[in-house]
Amino acid sequence: MDPVPLLQRILKKPSSGDLISLQTVLLSWEEQAASPLARGRAAAALALLGDFYAYLVGLESKLEAHAFAELASKMDMGAVGGVVVENMLSAGEKLLERILVGSFSEALMVLASRQYVKAFNRDLDAFYQQVAWQLRAHLWRFSAARRPGLTPPERAHLIDSLFASILDKEPQSDATPVVLGCLFQVLLIGCITAMLSD
């Protein structure tokens, strides 16, 4: 089986379907490996591919959940105006009191819904940190196999410089999911290229 067309698609637009197809290729390579080294390389590529798959599926799920929370929060904000108008129409003599009480309770609802959005953001940041942890190990092993002359502190410094902004507790930028995806792609190419050269 030729993995090149799959790799090309995965580089352009990664999809879980293409990763599953590539898993089939790698599993067959692992099964037919002629040496322990080739079997080990296939196992390492499969582990990387598994983490990449989990990243894509998890990211898609979290971004959809975030979008729904954002939509619900915006709908809550829109509902405030309706409640205020309803209070104004039915208030009679207690107009000011009903507007204040209604507006205050609706404002609290909007603030509460915004907290859900904040919670989703924190959950997404934690997800990125977990993925960076996994990628760090894959990069370490890949680097150790290709550049065995580096000392552990040198290797740690080089790798940690890639993940410094992700592993700290600061909110992530919009580029974080793209950077993580690109690192998976680069490592996958490196692993499969090494296997093709055997």
N, C-alpha and C. Protein backbone atom coordinates (compact mmCIF):
# COMPACT_ATOMS: atom_id res chain seq x y z
N MET A 1 0.84 -1.19 0.00
CA MET A 1 0.00 0.00 0.00
C MET A 1 0.88 1.24 0.00
N ASP A 2 0.51 2.19 -0.83
CA ASP A 2 1.29 3.42 -0.96
C ASP A 2 0.70 4.50 -0.04
N PRO A 3 1.48 4.94 0.96
CA PRO A 3 0.95 5.95 1.88
C PRO A 3 1.06 7.38 1.36
N VAL A 4 1.74 7.59 0.23
CA VAL A 4 2.02 8.95 -0.24
C VAL A 4 0.75 9.74 -0.51
N PRO A 5 -0.24 9.20 -1.26
CA PRO A 5 -1.48 9.99 -1.47
C PRO A 5 -2.17 10.34 -0.15
N LEU A 6 -2.18 9.40 0.78
CA LEU A 6 -2.79 9.68 2.09
C LEU A 6 -2.04 10.79 2.80
N LEU A 7 -0.71 10.71 2.79
CA LEU A 7 0.09 11.76 3.44
C LEU A 7 -0.17 13.11 2.81
N GLN A 8 -0.28 13.15 1.49
CA GLN A 8 -0.54 14.42 0.80
C GLN A 8 -1.86 15.02 1.26
N ARG A 9 -2.88 14.18 1.37
CA ARG A 9 -4.18 14.68 1.83
C ARG A 9 -4.10 15.12 3.29
N ILE A 10 -3.39 14.34 4.11
CA ILE A 10 -3.26 14.67 5.53
C ILE A 10 -2.51 15.98 5.71
N LEU A 11 -1.57 16.27 4.82
CA LEU A 11 -0.85 17.54 4.91
C LEU A 11 -1.71 18.71 4.47
N LYS A 12 -2.57 18.49 3.50
CA LYS A 12 -3.43 19.57 3.02
C LYS A 12 -4.59 19.84 3.97
N LYS A 13 -5.29 18.76 4.33
CA LYS A 13 -6.46 18.89 5.20
C LYS A 13 -6.64 17.59 5.96
N PRO A 14 -6.08 17.52 7.16
CA PRO A 14 -6.18 16.27 7.92
C PRO A 14 -7.63 15.91 8.24
N SER A 15 -7.95 14.65 8.08
CA SER A 15 -9.29 14.18 8.43
C SER A 15 -9.15 12.85 9.16
N SER A 16 -10.13 12.58 10.01
CA SER A 16 -10.07 11.32 10.76
C SER A 16 -10.16 10.12 9.81
N GLY A 17 -10.89 10.24 8.71
CA GLY A 17 -11.00 9.14 7.74
C GLY A 17 -9.66 8.79 7.11
N ASP A 18 -8.89 9.81 6.73
CA ASP A 18 -7.56 9.56 6.15
C ASP A 18 -6.60 8.99 7.18
N LEU A 19 -6.74 9.42 8.43
CA LEU A 19 -5.87 8.87 9.47
C LEU A 19 -6.19 7.39 9.71
N ILE A 20 -7.47 7.03 9.64
CA ILE A 20 -7.84 5.62 9.78
C ILE A 20 -7.26 4.81 8.63
N SER A 21 -7.32 5.34 7.42
CA SER A 21 -6.74 4.64 6.26
C SER A 21 -5.23 4.48 6.42
N LEU A 22 -4.57 5.52 6.92
CA LEU A 22 -3.13 5.43 7.14
C LEU A 22 -2.82 4.43 8.25
N GLN A 23 -3.70 4.34 9.24
CA GLN A 23 -3.50 3.35 10.29
C GLN A 23 -3.48 1.94 9.70
N THR A 24 -4.36 1.67 8.74
CA THR A 24 -4.38 0.37 8.08
C THR A 24 -3.04 0.07 7.41
N VAL A 25 -2.49 1.07 6.72
CA VAL A 25 -1.20 0.91 6.07
C VAL A 25 -0.12 0.60 7.10
N LEU A 26 -0.08 1.38 8.17
CA LEU A 26 0.96 1.20 9.18
C LEU A 26 0.81 -0.13 9.93
N LEU A 27 -0.42 -0.54 10.19
CA LEU A 27 -0.63 -1.84 10.84
C LEU A 27 -0.13 -2.98 9.96
N SER A 28 -0.37 -2.87 8.66
CA SER A 28 0.13 -3.93 7.76
C SER A 28 1.66 -3.91 7.69
N TRP A 29 2.26 -2.71 7.73
CA TRP A 29 3.73 -2.64 7.74
C TRP A 29 4.28 -3.26 9.02
N GLU A 30 3.62 -2.97 10.14
CA GLU A 30 4.07 -3.52 11.42
C GLU A 30 3.98 -5.05 11.39
N GLU A 31 2.88 -5.56 10.84
CA GLU A 31 2.67 -7.00 10.77
C GLU A 31 3.71 -7.68 9.88
N GLN A 32 4.11 -7.01 8.79
CA GLN A 32 5.03 -7.61 7.82
C GLN A 32 6.48 -7.16 8.02
N ALA A 33 6.76 -6.47 9.11
CA ALA A 33 8.12 -5.95 9.34
C ALA A 33 9.14 -7.08 9.33
N ALA A 34 10.26 -6.81 8.63
CA ALA A 34 11.30 -7.83 8.47
C ALA A 34 12.31 -7.81 9.61
N SER A 35 12.28 -6.77 10.43
CA SER A 35 13.26 -6.68 11.51
C SER A 35 12.62 -6.02 12.74
N PRO A 36 13.24 -6.22 13.89
CA PRO A 36 12.73 -5.54 15.09
C PRO A 36 12.78 -4.01 14.94
N LEU A 37 13.80 -3.49 14.25
CA LEU A 37 13.89 -2.04 14.03
C LEU A 37 12.69 -1.54 13.22
N ALA A 38 12.37 -2.25 12.13
CA ALA A 38 11.23 -1.84 11.29
C ALA A 38 9.93 -1.95 12.07
N ARG A 39 9.79 -3.00 12.88
CA ARG A 39 8.59 -3.16 13.70
C ARG A 39 8.49 -2.04 14.73
N GLY A 40 9.60 -1.67 15.32
CA GLY A 40 9.62 -0.57 16.30
C GLY A 40 9.26 0.76 15.66
N ARG A 41 9.75 0.99 14.45
CA ARG A 41 9.41 2.25 13.75
C ARG A 41 7.93 2.29 13.42
N ALA A 42 7.38 1.16 13.00
CA ALA A 42 5.94 1.12 12.71
C ALA A 42 5.13 1.36 13.99
N ALA A 43 5.56 0.77 15.10
CA ALA A 43 4.85 0.97 16.36
C ALA A 43 4.92 2.43 16.80
N ALA A 44 6.08 3.07 16.63
CA ALA A 44 6.20 4.49 16.98
C ALA A 44 5.30 5.35 16.10
N ALA A 45 5.26 5.04 14.79
CA ALA A 45 4.40 5.80 13.89
C ALA A 45 2.92 5.59 14.24
N LEU A 46 2.56 4.36 14.62
CA LEU A 46 1.18 4.09 15.02
C LEU A 46 0.80 4.85 16.29
N ALA A 47 1.73 4.91 17.24
CA ALA A 47 1.45 5.66 18.48
C ALA A 47 1.25 7.14 18.17
N LEU A 48 2.10 7.70 17.31
CA LEU A 48 1.96 9.09 16.90
C LEU A 48 0.63 9.30 16.18
N LEU A 49 0.31 8.41 15.27
CA LEU A 49 -0.93 8.51 14.52
C LEU A 49 -2.14 8.43 15.44
N GLY A 50 -2.07 7.57 16.45
CA GLY A 50 -3.17 7.46 17.41
C GLY A 50 -3.38 8.76 18.18
N ASP A 51 -2.28 9.39 18.58
CA ASP A 51 -2.41 10.67 19.29
C ASP A 51 -2.92 11.77 18.35
N PHE A 52 -2.50 11.74 17.08
CA PHE A 52 -2.98 12.72 16.11
C PHE A 52 -4.48 12.54 15.90
N TYR A 53 -4.92 11.29 15.78
CA TYR A 53 -6.34 11.01 15.60
C TYR A 53 -7.14 11.53 16.81
N ALA A 54 -6.67 11.21 18.01
CA ALA A 54 -7.35 11.66 19.22
C ALA A 54 -7.39 13.19 19.27
N TYR A 55 -6.32 13.84 18.82
CA TYR A 55 -6.28 15.31 18.79
C TYR A 55 -7.35 15.86 17.85
N LEU A 56 -7.42 15.32 16.63
CA LEU A 56 -8.41 15.83 15.66
C LEU A 56 -9.84 15.63 16.16
N VAL A 57 -10.13 14.43 16.66
CA VAL A 57 -11.48 14.14 17.13
C VAL A 57 -11.82 15.00 18.36
N GLY A 58 -10.87 15.11 19.30
CA GLY A 58 -11.09 15.91 20.50
C GLY A 58 -11.25 17.39 20.19
N LEU A 59 -10.43 17.89 19.28
CA LEU A 59 -10.50 19.30 18.91
C LEU A 59 -11.84 19.62 18.25
N GLU A 60 -12.26 18.76 17.34
CA GLU A 60 -13.55 18.99 16.67
C GLU A 60 -14.68 19.03 17.69
N SER A 61 -14.68 18.08 18.61
CA SER A 61 -15.72 18.02 19.64
C SER A 61 -15.70 19.26 20.53
N LYS A 62 -14.53 19.67 20.96
CA LYS A 62 -14.42 20.82 21.87
C LYS A 62 -14.80 22.11 21.17
N LEU A 63 -14.42 22.26 19.91
CA LEU A 63 -14.77 23.49 19.19
C LEU A 63 -16.27 23.56 18.93
N GLU A 64 -16.90 22.41 18.67
CA GLU A 64 -18.36 22.42 18.50
C GLU A 64 -19.05 22.77 19.81
N ALA A 65 -18.58 22.20 20.91
CA ALA A 65 -19.18 22.50 22.22
C ALA A 65 -19.00 23.98 22.56
N HIS A 66 -17.83 24.52 22.23
CA HIS A 66 -17.56 25.94 22.47
C HIS A 66 -18.51 26.80 21.66
N ALA A 67 -18.72 26.43 20.39
CA ALA A 67 -19.62 27.21 19.53
C ALA A 67 -21.04 27.18 20.08
N PHE A 68 -21.49 26.03 20.58
CA PHE A 68 -22.84 25.96 21.15
C PHE A 68 -22.95 26.80 22.42
N ALA A 69 -21.93 26.78 23.26
CA ALA A 69 -21.96 27.60 24.47
C ALA A 69 -21.99 29.09 24.11
N GLU A 70 -21.23 29.46 23.12
CA GLU A 70 -21.20 30.86 22.66
C GLU A 70 -22.57 31.26 22.12
N LEU A 71 -23.18 30.39 21.34
CA LEU A 71 -24.51 30.68 20.79
C LEU A 71 -25.55 30.82 21.90
N ALA A 72 -25.53 29.91 22.88
CA ALA A 72 -26.48 29.98 23.99
C ALA A 72 -26.30 31.28 24.78
N SER A 73 -25.06 31.69 24.97
CA SER A 73 -24.80 32.93 25.69
C SER A 73 -25.35 34.12 24.92
N LYS A 74 -25.18 34.13 23.62
CA LYS A 74 -25.70 35.24 22.80
C LYS A 74 -27.23 35.25 22.81
N MET A 75 -27.82 34.06 22.82
CA MET A 75 -29.28 33.99 22.88
C MET A 75 -29.79 34.52 24.22
N ASP A 76 -29.06 34.23 25.31
CA ASP A 76 -29.43 34.78 26.61
C ASP A 76 -29.40 36.30 26.58
N MET A 77 -28.38 36.84 25.93
CA MET A 77 -28.26 38.31 25.86
C MET A 77 -29.45 38.89 25.10
N GLY A 78 -29.85 38.22 24.02
CA GLY A 78 -30.98 38.70 23.24
C GLY A 78 -32.29 38.61 24.00
N ALA A 79 -32.40 37.65 24.90
CA ALA A 79 -33.63 37.47 25.68
C ALA A 79 -33.84 38.59 26.70
N VAL A 80 -32.75 39.25 27.10
CA VAL A 80 -32.86 40.34 28.09
C VAL A 80 -33.81 41.42 27.61
N GLY A 81 -33.66 41.80 26.36
CA GLY A 81 -34.52 42.85 25.81
C GLY A 81 -35.98 42.46 25.83
N GLY A 82 -36.29 41.20 25.54
CA GLY A 82 -37.67 40.73 25.55
C GLY A 82 -38.27 40.79 26.94
N VAL A 83 -37.51 40.43 27.95
CA VAL A 83 -38.02 40.46 29.32
C VAL A 83 -38.28 41.90 29.76
N VAL A 84 -37.37 42.78 29.41
CA VAL A 84 -37.54 44.19 29.79
C VAL A 84 -38.79 44.76 29.13
N VAL A 85 -39.00 44.47 27.86
CA VAL A 85 -40.19 44.97 27.16
C VAL A 85 -41.45 44.39 27.80
N GLU A 86 -41.44 43.11 28.10
CA GLU A 86 -42.60 42.47 28.74
C GLU A 86 -42.89 43.12 30.09
N ASN A 87 -41.85 43.40 30.87
CA ASN A 87 -42.03 44.06 32.16
C ASN A 87 -42.60 45.47 32.00
N MET A 88 -42.16 46.16 30.97
CA MET A 88 -42.64 47.53 30.74
C MET A 88 -44.13 47.52 30.38
N LEU A 89 -44.54 46.57 29.56
CA LEU A 89 -45.93 46.52 29.11
C LEU A 89 -46.90 46.13 30.21
N SER A 90 -46.47 45.28 31.13
CA SER A 90 -47.39 44.79 32.15
C SER A 90 -47.17 45.43 33.52
N ALA A 91 -46.32 46.44 33.60
CA ALA A 91 -45.92 46.97 34.91
C ALA A 91 -46.95 47.90 35.53
N GLY A 92 -47.59 48.69 34.76
CA GLY A 92 -48.52 49.67 35.34
C GLY A 92 -47.76 50.65 36.22
N GLU A 93 -48.21 50.77 37.50
CA GLU A 93 -47.60 51.73 38.42
C GLU A 93 -46.21 51.32 38.86
N LYS A 94 -45.88 50.07 38.81
CA LYS A 94 -44.59 49.58 39.30
C LYS A 94 -43.57 49.44 38.17
N LEU A 95 -43.67 50.30 37.17
CA LEU A 95 -42.82 50.20 35.99
C LEU A 95 -41.34 50.20 36.35
N LEU A 96 -40.88 51.20 37.08
CA LEU A 96 -39.45 51.31 37.40
C LEU A 96 -38.97 50.10 38.20
N GLU A 97 -39.76 49.71 39.20
CA GLU A 97 -39.38 48.57 40.04
C GLU A 97 -39.25 47.30 39.20
N ARG A 98 -40.20 47.02 38.32
CA ARG A 98 -40.18 45.80 37.51
C ARG A 98 -39.04 45.82 36.50
N ILE A 99 -38.75 47.00 35.95
CA ILE A 99 -37.64 47.10 35.00
C ILE A 99 -36.33 46.80 35.71
N LEU A 100 -36.15 47.38 36.90
CA LEU A 100 -34.90 47.16 37.65
C LEU A 100 -34.74 45.70 38.06
N VAL A 101 -35.79 45.13 38.62
CA VAL A 101 -35.72 43.74 39.09
C VAL A 101 -35.52 42.80 37.90
N GLY A 102 -36.30 42.99 36.85
CA GLY A 102 -36.19 42.13 35.65
C GLY A 102 -34.82 42.26 34.99
N SER A 103 -34.35 43.49 34.85
CA SER A 103 -33.05 43.71 34.21
C SER A 103 -31.93 43.11 35.04
N PHE A 104 -32.03 43.25 36.36
CA PHE A 104 -30.98 42.71 37.23
C PHE A 104 -30.92 41.18 37.12
N SER A 105 -32.10 40.53 37.18
CA SER A 105 -32.10 39.06 37.12
C SER A 105 -31.64 38.58 35.75
N GLU A 106 -32.01 39.27 34.68
CA GLU A 106 -31.57 38.88 33.34
C GLU A 106 -30.08 39.12 33.15
N ALA A 107 -29.58 40.20 33.73
CA ALA A 107 -28.14 40.48 33.64
C ALA A 107 -27.35 39.37 34.34
N LEU A 108 -27.86 38.88 35.47
CA LEU A 108 -27.20 37.77 36.17
C LEU A 108 -27.21 36.50 35.31
N MET A 109 -28.30 36.27 34.59
CA MET A 109 -28.35 35.10 33.70
C MET A 109 -27.31 35.21 32.60
N VAL A 110 -27.17 36.40 32.03
CA VAL A 110 -26.18 36.60 30.96
C VAL A 110 -24.77 36.39 31.51
N LEU A 111 -24.50 36.95 32.69
CA LEU A 111 -23.18 36.75 33.29
C LEU A 111 -22.91 35.27 33.55
N ALA A 112 -23.91 34.55 34.01
CA ALA A 112 -23.74 33.12 34.26
C ALA A 112 -23.43 32.38 32.96
N SER A 113 -24.14 32.72 31.88
CA SER A 113 -23.89 32.04 30.61
C SER A 113 -22.49 32.35 30.08
N ARG A 114 -21.99 33.56 30.35
CA ARG A 114 -20.62 33.89 29.91
C ARG A 114 -19.60 33.07 30.69
N GLN A 115 -19.94 32.68 31.92
CA GLN A 115 -19.04 31.82 32.70
C GLN A 115 -18.91 30.44 32.05
N TYR A 116 -19.99 29.96 31.45
CA TYR A 116 -19.90 28.69 30.72
C TYR A 116 -18.91 28.80 29.57
N VAL A 117 -18.94 29.92 28.87
CA VAL A 117 -18.01 30.12 27.76
C VAL A 117 -16.57 30.16 28.29
N LYS A 118 -16.37 30.85 29.42
CA LYS A 118 -15.04 30.89 30.03
C LYS A 118 -14.57 29.49 30.41
N ALA A 119 -15.48 28.69 30.95
CA ALA A 119 -15.13 27.32 31.34
C ALA A 119 -14.73 26.51 30.12
N PHE A 120 -15.44 26.69 29.00
CA PHE A 120 -15.06 25.98 27.78
C PHE A 120 -13.68 26.42 27.31
N ASN A 121 -13.38 27.71 27.43
CA ASN A 121 -12.06 28.19 27.03
C ASN A 121 -10.97 27.55 27.87
N ARG A 122 -11.21 27.45 29.17
CA ARG A 122 -10.21 26.82 30.06
C ARG A 122 -10.06 25.34 29.74
N ASP A 123 -11.17 24.68 29.43
CA ASP A 123 -11.14 23.28 29.06
C ASP A 123 -10.34 23.08 27.78
N LEU A 124 -10.51 23.98 26.84
CA LEU A 124 -9.77 23.91 25.57
C LEU A 124 -8.28 24.13 25.82
N ASP A 125 -7.93 25.08 26.67
CA ASP A 125 -6.52 25.31 27.01
C ASP A 125 -5.89 24.07 27.65
N ALA A 126 -6.64 23.43 28.54
CA ALA A 126 -6.14 22.21 29.19
C ALA A 126 -5.95 21.09 28.16
N PHE A 127 -6.86 21.01 27.20
CA PHE A 127 -6.73 20.03 26.12
C PHE A 127 -5.45 20.27 25.33
N TYR A 128 -5.18 21.54 24.99
CA TYR A 128 -3.95 21.85 24.25
C TYR A 128 -2.71 21.47 25.06
N GLN A 129 -2.74 21.69 26.37
CA GLN A 129 -1.60 21.34 27.22
C GLN A 129 -1.38 19.83 27.25
N GLN A 130 -2.46 19.06 27.29
CA GLN A 130 -2.33 17.60 27.27
C GLN A 130 -1.75 17.12 25.95
N VAL A 131 -2.20 17.71 24.86
CA VAL A 131 -1.69 17.32 23.54
C VAL A 131 -0.21 17.70 23.41
N ALA A 132 0.15 18.88 23.92
CA ALA A 132 1.56 19.30 23.88
C ALA A 132 2.43 18.31 24.67
N TRP A 133 1.92 17.83 25.79
CA TRP A 133 2.63 16.83 26.60
C TRP A 133 2.92 15.58 25.75
N GLN A 134 1.90 15.09 25.03
CA GLN A 134 2.07 13.91 24.19
C GLN A 134 3.06 14.18 23.05
N LEU A 135 2.89 15.33 22.41
CA LEU A 135 3.78 15.67 21.30
C LEU A 135 5.23 15.82 21.76
N ARG A 136 5.41 16.34 22.95
CA ARG A 136 6.77 16.52 23.49
C ARG A 136 7.48 15.18 23.56
N ALA A 137 6.78 14.14 24.02
CA ALA A 137 7.39 12.80 24.11
C ALA A 137 7.70 12.26 22.72
N HIS A 138 6.78 12.44 21.77
CA HIS A 138 7.03 11.98 20.39
C HIS A 138 8.24 12.70 19.79
N LEU A 139 8.30 14.01 19.99
CA LEU A 139 9.44 14.77 19.46
C LEU A 139 10.75 14.33 20.10
N TRP A 140 10.71 14.07 21.39
CA TRP A 140 11.92 13.63 22.10
C TRP A 140 12.45 12.34 21.48
N ARG A 141 11.58 11.36 21.32
CA ARG A 141 11.99 10.07 20.77
C ARG A 141 12.48 10.20 19.33
N PHE A 142 11.77 11.02 18.55
CA PHE A 142 12.17 11.24 17.16
C PHE A 142 13.54 11.90 17.10
N SER A 143 13.73 12.90 17.92
CA SER A 143 15.01 13.60 17.97
C SER A 143 16.13 12.68 18.45
N ALA A 144 15.86 11.87 19.46
CA ALA A 144 16.87 10.95 19.99
C ALA A 144 17.32 9.95 18.93
N ALA A 145 16.38 9.51 18.08
CA ALA A 145 16.74 8.56 17.03
C ALA A 145 17.53 9.23 15.90
N ARG A 146 17.25 10.50 15.64
CA ARG A 146 17.90 11.18 14.50
C ARG A 146 19.15 11.96 14.91
N ARG A 147 19.17 12.43 16.15
CA ARG A 147 20.31 13.22 16.63
C ARG A 147 20.76 12.70 18.00
N PRO A 148 21.33 11.51 18.01
CA PRO A 148 21.70 10.91 19.29
C PRO A 148 22.82 11.66 20.02
N GLY A 149 23.54 12.54 19.33
CA GLY A 149 24.64 13.27 19.95
C GLY A 149 24.21 14.38 20.89
N LEU A 150 22.94 14.76 20.86
CA LEU A 150 22.46 15.82 21.76
C LEU A 150 22.39 15.29 23.18
N THR A 151 22.79 16.10 24.13
CA THR A 151 22.63 15.72 25.53
C THR A 151 21.16 15.91 25.92
N PRO A 152 20.68 15.24 26.96
CA PRO A 152 19.30 15.44 27.38
C PRO A 152 18.95 16.91 27.67
N PRO A 153 19.83 17.69 28.35
CA PRO A 153 19.48 19.10 28.54
C PRO A 153 19.37 19.88 27.22
N GLU A 154 20.26 19.58 26.26
CA GLU A 154 20.18 20.26 24.96
C GLU A 154 18.87 19.90 24.25
N ARG A 155 18.54 18.61 24.28
CA ARG A 155 17.31 18.16 23.62
C ARG A 155 16.09 18.79 24.29
N ALA A 156 16.08 18.80 25.62
CA ALA A 156 14.96 19.39 26.35
C ALA A 156 14.81 20.87 26.01
N HIS A 157 15.92 21.59 25.94
CA HIS A 157 15.86 23.02 25.63
C HIS A 157 15.25 23.25 24.24
N LEU A 158 15.71 22.48 23.25
CA LEU A 158 15.20 22.65 21.88
C LEU A 158 13.70 22.33 21.79
N ILE A 159 13.31 21.25 22.42
CA ILE A 159 11.91 20.83 22.35
C ILE A 159 11.02 21.76 23.16
N ASP A 160 11.46 22.11 24.35
CA ASP A 160 10.63 22.96 25.22
C ASP A 160 10.43 24.35 24.64
N SER A 161 11.37 24.81 23.82
CA SER A 161 11.17 26.12 23.21
C SER A 161 9.97 26.11 22.26
N LEU A 162 9.65 24.94 21.71
CA LEU A 162 8.47 24.84 20.83
C LEU A 162 7.16 24.93 21.62
N PHE A 163 7.19 24.44 22.86
CA PHE A 163 5.97 24.30 23.64
C PHE A 163 5.83 25.30 24.78
N ALA A 164 6.75 26.23 24.89
CA ALA A 164 6.75 27.14 26.04
C ALA A 164 5.41 27.87 26.20
N SER A 165 4.87 28.40 25.12
CA SER A 165 3.63 29.17 25.23
C SER A 165 2.41 28.28 25.47
N ILE A 166 2.50 27.01 25.09
CA ILE A 166 1.36 26.11 25.26
C ILE A 166 1.33 25.52 26.66
N LEU A 167 2.49 25.17 27.19
CA LEU A 167 2.54 24.48 28.48
C LEU A 167 2.42 25.42 29.68
N ASP A 168 2.54 26.74 29.46
CA ASP A 168 2.32 27.63 30.60
C ASP A 168 0.81 27.80 30.81
N LYS A 169 0.43 28.47 31.84
CA LYS A 169 -0.99 28.57 32.20
C LYS A 169 -1.71 29.73 31.54
N GLU A 170 -1.06 30.41 30.62
CA GLU A 170 -1.69 31.56 29.96
C GLU A 170 -2.73 31.08 28.94
N PRO A 171 -3.76 31.89 28.67
CA PRO A 171 -4.72 31.52 27.64
C PRO A 171 -4.03 31.36 26.28
N GLN A 172 -4.48 30.40 25.51
CA GLN A 172 -3.84 30.09 24.24
C GLN A 172 -4.28 31.06 23.15
N SER A 173 -3.43 31.17 22.14
CA SER A 173 -3.78 32.02 21.00
C SER A 173 -4.59 31.21 20.00
N ASP A 174 -5.15 31.89 19.01
CA ASP A 174 -5.92 31.20 17.98
C ASP A 174 -5.04 30.31 17.11
N ALA A 175 -3.73 30.53 17.14
CA ALA A 175 -2.80 29.73 16.32
C ALA A 175 -2.45 28.40 16.97
N THR A 176 -2.74 28.22 18.25
CA THR A 176 -2.32 27.02 18.97
C THR A 176 -2.79 25.72 18.29
N PRO A 177 -4.07 25.58 17.91
CA PRO A 177 -4.47 24.32 17.29
C PRO A 177 -3.76 24.06 15.97
N VAL A 178 -3.46 25.12 15.23
CA VAL A 178 -2.75 24.97 13.96
C VAL A 178 -1.31 24.52 14.20
N VAL A 179 -0.65 25.14 15.17
CA VAL A 179 0.74 24.77 15.50
C VAL A 179 0.81 23.31 15.92
N LEU A 180 -0.09 22.88 16.78
CA LEU A 180 -0.09 21.49 17.22
C LEU A 180 -0.34 20.54 16.05
N GLY A 181 -1.29 20.88 15.20
CA GLY A 181 -1.57 20.05 14.02
C GLY A 181 -0.37 19.96 13.10
N CYS A 182 0.31 21.08 12.89
CA CYS A 182 1.50 21.08 12.02
C CYS A 182 2.62 20.22 12.61
N LEU A 183 2.78 20.26 13.92
CA LEU A 183 3.81 19.42 14.56
C LEU A 183 3.48 17.93 14.37
N PHE A 184 2.22 17.57 14.49
CA PHE A 184 1.83 16.19 14.21
C PHE A 184 2.17 15.82 12.76
N GLN A 185 1.84 16.70 11.84
CA GLN A 185 2.10 16.43 10.43
C GLN A 185 3.59 16.25 10.15
N VAL A 186 4.40 17.15 10.69
CA VAL A 186 5.85 17.07 10.46
C VAL A 186 6.42 15.78 11.03
N LEU A 187 6.02 15.43 12.23
CA LEU A 187 6.50 14.19 12.84
C LEU A 187 6.04 12.97 12.06
N LEU A 188 4.82 12.99 11.59
CA LEU A 188 4.30 11.87 10.82
C LEU A 188 5.10 11.68 9.54
N ILE A 189 5.40 12.78 8.85
CA ILE A 189 6.22 12.70 7.64
C ILE A 189 7.60 12.12 7.97
N GLY A 190 8.20 12.62 9.06
CA GLY A 190 9.51 12.11 9.45
C GLY A 190 9.49 10.63 9.75
N CYS A 191 8.48 10.16 10.47
CA CYS A 191 8.39 8.74 10.83
C CYS A 191 8.20 7.88 9.59
N ILE A 192 7.30 8.28 8.71
CA ILE A 192 7.01 7.46 7.54
C ILE A 192 8.16 7.50 6.53
N THR A 193 8.81 8.64 6.41
CA THR A 193 9.98 8.73 5.54
C THR A 193 11.07 7.77 6.01
N ALA A 194 11.29 7.71 7.31
CA ALA A 194 12.29 6.79 7.86
C ALA A 194 11.89 5.34 7.55
N MET A 195 10.61 5.03 7.62
CA MET A 195 10.16 3.67 7.33
C MET A 195 10.30 3.34 5.85
N LEU A 196 10.06 4.30 4.98
CA LEU A 196 10.19 4.06 3.54
C LEU A 196 11.64 3.85 3.13
N SER A 197 12.55 4.44 3.89
CA SER A 197 13.97 4.32 3.54
C SER A 197 14.57 3.00 4.01
N ASP A 198 13.84 2.20 4.81
CA ASP A 198 14.35 0.90 5.27
C ASP A 198 14.45 -0.09 4.11
